[in-house]
Amino acid sequence: MNVGSRRRTQSVDLRLTEGAAEAVRERAREAGVSDHLLRIAVVAGGCNGLSYDLYLVPEALPEDAVVESSGVRVAVDAASARLLDGTVVDLRGRSFVFENPRARKGCSCGASFEV
């Protein structure tokens, strides 16, 4: 069996509010891209040790969990999926804010967290 060709099925319960989804669509229009996914990843950094990284990608990787929320397709890598499960992404001003039930501690701006 060729392990490299196997696609792992990942799932994540992640939701974008309509405001966050519209902001993603607007930023994609501003960047001149269409048919892209929003990639959300958890990376080391921020004042609480972990932070969120968001960017547009043309396609998901085979090991990604892909969900659609409010008309936006979102790709999440396997390691981030377990840290983001149950998260709601909202918009405050022009900034994305994460309501993450797995976060024990977060900063006031909502950009970093600790589990």
N, C-alpha and C. Protein backbone atom coordinates (compact mmCIF):
# COMPACT_ATOMS: atom_id res chain seq x y z
N MET A 1 0.84 -1.17 0.00
CA MET A 1 0.00 0.00 0.00
C MET A 1 0.88 1.24 0.00
N ASN A 2 0.56 2.18 -0.84
CA ASN A 2 1.31 3.43 -0.92
C ASN A 2 0.73 4.41 0.09
N VAL A 3 1.41 4.56 1.22
CA VAL A 3 0.92 5.42 2.30
C VAL A 3 0.86 6.87 1.87
N GLY A 4 1.77 7.30 1.01
CA GLY A 4 1.79 8.69 0.57
C GLY A 4 0.55 9.08 -0.21
N SER A 5 -0.14 8.13 -0.82
CA SER A 5 -1.31 8.48 -1.61
C SER A 5 -2.60 8.43 -0.79
N ARG A 6 -2.54 7.95 0.44
CA ARG A 6 -3.75 7.88 1.27
C ARG A 6 -4.15 9.26 1.73
N ARG A 7 -5.42 9.51 1.68
CA ARG A 7 -5.94 10.78 2.17
C ARG A 7 -6.55 10.53 3.54
N ARG A 8 -6.04 11.21 4.54
CA ARG A 8 -6.60 11.07 5.88
C ARG A 8 -7.87 11.91 5.97
N THR A 9 -8.87 11.39 6.58
CA THR A 9 -10.10 12.14 6.77
C THR A 9 -10.02 12.86 8.10
N GLN A 10 -9.97 14.15 8.03
CA GLN A 10 -9.94 15.00 9.22
C GLN A 10 -11.27 15.73 9.31
N SER A 11 -11.67 16.04 10.51
CA SER A 11 -12.85 16.86 10.67
C SER A 11 -12.58 17.89 11.76
N VAL A 12 -13.26 18.99 11.65
CA VAL A 12 -13.14 20.05 12.64
C VAL A 12 -14.47 20.79 12.68
N ASP A 13 -14.93 21.09 13.86
CA ASP A 13 -16.14 21.89 14.04
C ASP A 13 -15.68 23.33 14.16
N LEU A 14 -15.76 24.06 13.06
CA LEU A 14 -15.31 25.45 13.01
C LEU A 14 -16.36 26.24 12.24
N ARG A 15 -16.71 27.42 12.75
CA ARG A 15 -17.75 28.22 12.11
C ARG A 15 -17.30 29.66 11.97
N LEU A 16 -17.61 30.26 10.83
CA LEU A 16 -17.40 31.68 10.60
C LEU A 16 -18.75 32.37 10.70
N THR A 17 -18.79 33.50 11.40
CA THR A 17 -20.02 34.29 11.40
C THR A 17 -20.17 34.91 10.02
N GLU A 18 -21.35 35.39 9.72
CA GLU A 18 -21.57 36.01 8.41
C GLU A 18 -20.64 37.21 8.22
N GLY A 19 -20.41 37.98 9.28
CA GLY A 19 -19.50 39.13 9.18
C GLY A 19 -18.08 38.71 8.86
N ALA A 20 -17.61 37.66 9.50
CA ALA A 20 -16.25 37.16 9.22
C ALA A 20 -16.16 36.62 7.80
N ALA A 21 -17.21 35.90 7.37
CA ALA A 21 -17.21 35.34 6.01
C ALA A 21 -17.19 36.46 4.97
N GLU A 22 -17.96 37.51 5.19
CA GLU A 22 -17.97 38.62 4.24
C GLU A 22 -16.61 39.30 4.20
N ALA A 23 -15.93 39.42 5.35
CA ALA A 23 -14.59 40.01 5.38
C ALA A 23 -13.61 39.16 4.58
N VAL A 24 -13.73 37.84 4.66
CA VAL A 24 -12.86 36.95 3.88
C VAL A 24 -13.11 37.17 2.39
N ARG A 25 -14.38 37.21 2.00
CA ARG A 25 -14.71 37.43 0.58
C ARG A 25 -14.19 38.78 0.10
N GLU A 26 -14.32 39.80 0.92
CA GLU A 26 -13.84 41.14 0.56
C GLU A 26 -12.31 41.14 0.39
N ARG A 27 -11.61 40.50 1.29
CA ARG A 27 -10.15 40.46 1.19
C ARG A 27 -9.70 39.65 -0.01
N ALA A 28 -10.45 38.61 -0.37
CA ALA A 28 -10.13 37.84 -1.58
C ALA A 28 -10.33 38.71 -2.82
N ARG A 29 -11.43 39.49 -2.84
CA ARG A 29 -11.65 40.41 -3.98
C ARG A 29 -10.52 41.43 -4.07
N GLU A 30 -10.13 42.00 -2.92
CA GLU A 30 -9.05 43.00 -2.90
C GLU A 30 -7.75 42.40 -3.40
N ALA A 31 -7.51 41.12 -3.11
CA ALA A 31 -6.28 40.44 -3.54
C ALA A 31 -6.39 39.94 -4.98
N GLY A 32 -7.58 40.04 -5.55
CA GLY A 32 -7.77 39.61 -6.93
C GLY A 32 -7.78 38.10 -7.10
N VAL A 33 -8.19 37.38 -6.07
CA VAL A 33 -8.23 35.92 -6.17
C VAL A 33 -9.68 35.45 -6.07
N SER A 34 -9.92 34.33 -6.73
CA SER A 34 -11.24 33.72 -6.63
C SER A 34 -11.04 32.22 -6.46
N ASP A 35 -12.06 31.57 -5.99
CA ASP A 35 -12.02 30.12 -5.78
C ASP A 35 -10.87 29.70 -4.87
N HIS A 36 -10.59 30.50 -3.87
CA HIS A 36 -9.56 30.16 -2.89
C HIS A 36 -10.22 29.73 -1.59
N LEU A 37 -9.46 29.02 -0.79
CA LEU A 37 -9.90 28.63 0.55
C LEU A 37 -9.21 29.52 1.57
N LEU A 38 -9.84 29.69 2.70
CA LEU A 38 -9.21 30.36 3.82
C LEU A 38 -8.51 29.28 4.63
N ARG A 39 -7.19 29.42 4.81
CA ARG A 39 -6.47 28.48 5.67
C ARG A 39 -6.34 29.13 7.04
N ILE A 40 -6.75 28.38 8.05
CA ILE A 40 -6.59 28.82 9.44
C ILE A 40 -5.66 27.82 10.10
N ALA A 41 -4.59 28.32 10.69
CA ALA A 41 -3.62 27.47 11.36
C ALA A 41 -3.31 28.05 12.74
N VAL A 42 -2.92 27.18 13.64
CA VAL A 42 -2.43 27.59 14.95
C VAL A 42 -0.92 27.50 14.89
N VAL A 43 -0.24 28.59 15.24
CA VAL A 43 1.21 28.65 15.19
C VAL A 43 1.75 29.13 16.54
N ALA A 44 3.01 28.81 16.79
CA ALA A 44 3.66 29.28 18.01
C ALA A 44 3.85 30.78 17.91
N GLY A 45 3.55 31.48 19.02
CA GLY A 45 3.77 32.92 19.04
C GLY A 45 2.67 33.63 19.80
N GLY A 46 2.79 34.92 19.88
CA GLY A 46 1.82 35.72 20.61
C GLY A 46 2.14 35.76 22.09
N CYS A 47 1.41 36.58 22.81
CA CYS A 47 1.71 36.78 24.22
C CYS A 47 1.28 35.59 25.09
N ASN A 48 0.48 34.66 24.55
CA ASN A 48 0.06 33.50 25.32
C ASN A 48 0.61 32.18 24.79
N GLY A 49 1.53 32.24 23.83
CA GLY A 49 2.19 31.04 23.35
C GLY A 49 1.71 30.51 22.02
N LEU A 50 0.43 30.69 21.69
CA LEU A 50 -0.12 30.22 20.42
C LEU A 50 -0.91 31.36 19.79
N SER A 51 -0.87 31.43 18.47
CA SER A 51 -1.67 32.44 17.78
C SER A 51 -2.28 31.85 16.53
N TYR A 52 -3.19 32.59 15.95
CA TYR A 52 -3.91 32.15 14.77
C TYR A 52 -3.28 32.77 13.54
N ASP A 53 -3.19 31.99 12.48
CA ASP A 53 -2.64 32.45 11.21
C ASP A 53 -3.71 32.21 10.15
N LEU A 54 -4.08 33.24 9.42
CA LEU A 54 -5.10 33.14 8.38
C LEU A 54 -4.52 33.64 7.07
N TYR A 55 -4.76 32.89 6.01
CA TYR A 55 -4.36 33.34 4.68
C TYR A 55 -5.13 32.57 3.63
N LEU A 56 -5.18 33.10 2.44
CA LEU A 56 -5.89 32.46 1.33
C LEU A 56 -4.96 31.51 0.60
N VAL A 57 -5.49 30.33 0.25
CA VAL A 57 -4.72 29.33 -0.49
C VAL A 57 -5.56 28.83 -1.66
N PRO A 58 -4.91 28.45 -2.76
CA PRO A 58 -5.68 27.98 -3.92
C PRO A 58 -6.31 26.60 -3.74
N GLU A 59 -5.73 25.77 -2.88
CA GLU A 59 -6.30 24.44 -2.67
C GLU A 59 -5.87 23.89 -1.31
N ALA A 60 -6.63 22.93 -0.83
CA ALA A 60 -6.32 22.28 0.44
C ALA A 60 -5.27 21.21 0.21
N LEU A 61 -4.54 20.88 1.26
CA LEU A 61 -3.60 19.76 1.22
C LEU A 61 -4.38 18.48 1.49
N PRO A 62 -3.86 17.33 1.04
CA PRO A 62 -4.59 16.06 1.24
C PRO A 62 -4.94 15.77 2.70
N GLU A 63 -4.11 16.17 3.63
CA GLU A 63 -4.36 15.86 5.03
C GLU A 63 -5.21 16.90 5.76
N ASP A 64 -5.64 17.95 5.07
CA ASP A 64 -6.43 19.00 5.68
C ASP A 64 -7.87 18.58 5.94
N ALA A 65 -8.44 19.17 6.98
CA ALA A 65 -9.89 19.15 7.16
C ALA A 65 -10.41 20.34 6.38
N VAL A 66 -11.47 20.16 5.63
CA VAL A 66 -12.07 21.26 4.88
C VAL A 66 -13.53 21.35 5.28
N VAL A 67 -13.92 22.54 5.73
CA VAL A 67 -15.31 22.79 6.10
C VAL A 67 -15.80 24.00 5.33
N GLU A 68 -17.10 24.08 5.17
CA GLU A 68 -17.69 25.28 4.58
C GLU A 68 -18.57 25.93 5.62
N SER A 69 -18.38 27.22 5.79
CA SER A 69 -19.16 27.96 6.77
C SER A 69 -19.51 29.32 6.20
N SER A 70 -20.78 29.64 6.21
CA SER A 70 -21.27 30.93 5.69
C SER A 70 -20.78 31.18 4.27
N GLY A 71 -20.68 30.10 3.49
CA GLY A 71 -20.28 30.22 2.09
C GLY A 71 -18.79 30.31 1.84
N VAL A 72 -17.97 30.15 2.87
CA VAL A 72 -16.52 30.20 2.74
C VAL A 72 -15.95 28.82 3.05
N ARG A 73 -15.10 28.31 2.14
CA ARG A 73 -14.42 27.04 2.41
C ARG A 73 -13.17 27.33 3.23
N VAL A 74 -13.00 26.54 4.29
CA VAL A 74 -11.89 26.74 5.24
C VAL A 74 -11.09 25.45 5.32
N ALA A 75 -9.76 25.57 5.17
CA ALA A 75 -8.84 24.44 5.29
C ALA A 75 -8.09 24.56 6.61
N VAL A 76 -7.99 23.42 7.32
CA VAL A 76 -7.30 23.40 8.60
C VAL A 76 -6.42 22.17 8.65
N ASP A 77 -5.13 22.33 8.99
CA ASP A 77 -4.24 21.18 9.10
C ASP A 77 -4.60 20.35 10.32
N ALA A 78 -4.14 19.11 10.34
CA ALA A 78 -4.52 18.15 11.38
C ALA A 78 -4.15 18.63 12.78
N ALA A 79 -2.96 19.17 12.96
CA ALA A 79 -2.53 19.61 14.29
C ALA A 79 -3.38 20.78 14.78
N SER A 80 -3.70 21.69 13.87
CA SER A 80 -4.52 22.84 14.24
C SER A 80 -5.97 22.45 14.48
N ALA A 81 -6.45 21.43 13.77
CA ALA A 81 -7.86 21.03 13.87
C ALA A 81 -8.23 20.68 15.30
N ARG A 82 -7.35 19.97 16.00
CA ARG A 82 -7.71 19.59 17.37
C ARG A 82 -7.68 20.78 18.32
N LEU A 83 -6.94 21.84 17.98
CA LEU A 83 -6.92 23.04 18.81
C LEU A 83 -8.03 24.02 18.45
N LEU A 84 -8.61 23.87 17.26
CA LEU A 84 -9.65 24.78 16.79
C LEU A 84 -11.05 24.20 16.88
N ASP A 85 -11.18 22.94 17.25
CA ASP A 85 -12.48 22.29 17.26
C ASP A 85 -13.44 23.06 18.17
N GLY A 86 -14.60 23.42 17.64
CA GLY A 86 -15.60 24.17 18.39
C GLY A 86 -15.45 25.68 18.31
N THR A 87 -14.50 26.16 17.53
CA THR A 87 -14.21 27.59 17.45
C THR A 87 -15.17 28.32 16.53
N VAL A 88 -15.53 29.53 16.93
CA VAL A 88 -16.31 30.44 16.09
C VAL A 88 -15.41 31.63 15.77
N VAL A 89 -15.30 31.95 14.48
CA VAL A 89 -14.50 33.09 14.04
C VAL A 89 -15.47 34.23 13.75
N ASP A 90 -15.24 35.36 14.39
CA ASP A 90 -16.11 36.53 14.23
C ASP A 90 -15.25 37.69 13.77
N LEU A 91 -15.88 38.81 13.57
CA LEU A 91 -15.18 40.01 13.14
C LEU A 91 -15.45 41.13 14.13
N ARG A 92 -14.38 41.79 14.57
CA ARG A 92 -14.50 42.96 15.45
C ARG A 92 -13.73 44.07 14.76
N GLY A 93 -14.46 45.06 14.26
CA GLY A 93 -13.82 46.08 13.44
C GLY A 93 -13.34 45.43 12.16
N ARG A 94 -12.04 45.51 11.88
CA ARG A 94 -11.46 44.83 10.71
C ARG A 94 -10.62 43.63 11.13
N SER A 95 -10.72 43.24 12.40
CA SER A 95 -9.91 42.14 12.91
C SER A 95 -10.77 40.90 13.17
N PHE A 96 -10.20 39.75 12.87
CA PHE A 96 -10.86 38.49 13.17
C PHE A 96 -10.65 38.17 14.65
N VAL A 97 -11.71 37.69 15.29
CA VAL A 97 -11.68 37.33 16.69
C VAL A 97 -12.12 35.88 16.80
N PHE A 98 -11.42 35.11 17.63
CA PHE A 98 -11.68 33.69 17.77
C PHE A 98 -12.30 33.40 19.12
N GLU A 99 -13.46 32.76 19.10
CA GLU A 99 -14.09 32.28 20.32
C GLU A 99 -13.80 30.79 20.37
N ASN A 100 -12.71 30.45 21.07
CA ASN A 100 -12.19 29.08 21.07
C ASN A 100 -12.44 28.43 22.43
N PRO A 101 -13.30 27.42 22.47
CA PRO A 101 -13.60 26.78 23.76
C PRO A 101 -12.42 25.99 24.34
N ARG A 102 -11.40 25.72 23.54
CA ARG A 102 -10.23 24.97 24.01
C ARG A 102 -9.19 25.89 24.66
N ALA A 103 -9.35 27.20 24.47
CA ALA A 103 -8.38 28.15 25.02
C ALA A 103 -8.63 28.34 26.51
N ARG A 104 -7.59 28.07 27.31
CA ARG A 104 -7.68 28.30 28.76
C ARG A 104 -7.50 29.77 29.08
N LYS A 105 -6.67 30.40 28.29
CA LYS A 105 -6.31 31.79 28.55
C LYS A 105 -6.11 32.46 27.20
N GLY A 106 -6.53 33.70 27.08
CA GLY A 106 -6.35 34.44 25.84
C GLY A 106 -5.99 35.87 26.12
N CYS A 107 -5.56 36.56 25.10
CA CYS A 107 -5.23 37.97 25.28
C CYS A 107 -6.47 38.81 24.97
N SER A 108 -6.45 40.06 25.34
CA SER A 108 -7.63 40.91 25.18
C SER A 108 -7.98 41.14 23.72
N CYS A 109 -7.01 41.07 22.82
CA CYS A 109 -7.32 41.31 21.40
C CYS A 109 -7.81 40.04 20.72
N GLY A 110 -7.71 38.89 21.37
CA GLY A 110 -8.20 37.64 20.79
C GLY A 110 -7.27 37.01 19.78
N ALA A 111 -6.04 37.51 19.68
CA ALA A 111 -5.12 37.01 18.66
C ALA A 111 -4.23 35.86 19.14
N SER A 112 -4.10 35.69 20.43
CA SER A 112 -3.28 34.60 20.93
C SER A 112 -3.97 33.90 22.09
N PHE A 113 -3.53 32.67 22.36
CA PHE A 113 -4.20 31.91 23.40
C PHE A 113 -3.27 30.85 23.96
N GLU A 114 -3.73 30.20 25.03
CA GLU A 114 -3.01 29.11 25.67
C GLU A 114 -4.00 27.99 25.91
N VAL A 115 -3.53 26.74 25.73
CA VAL A 115 -4.40 25.59 25.99
C VAL A 115 -3.94 24.85 27.22
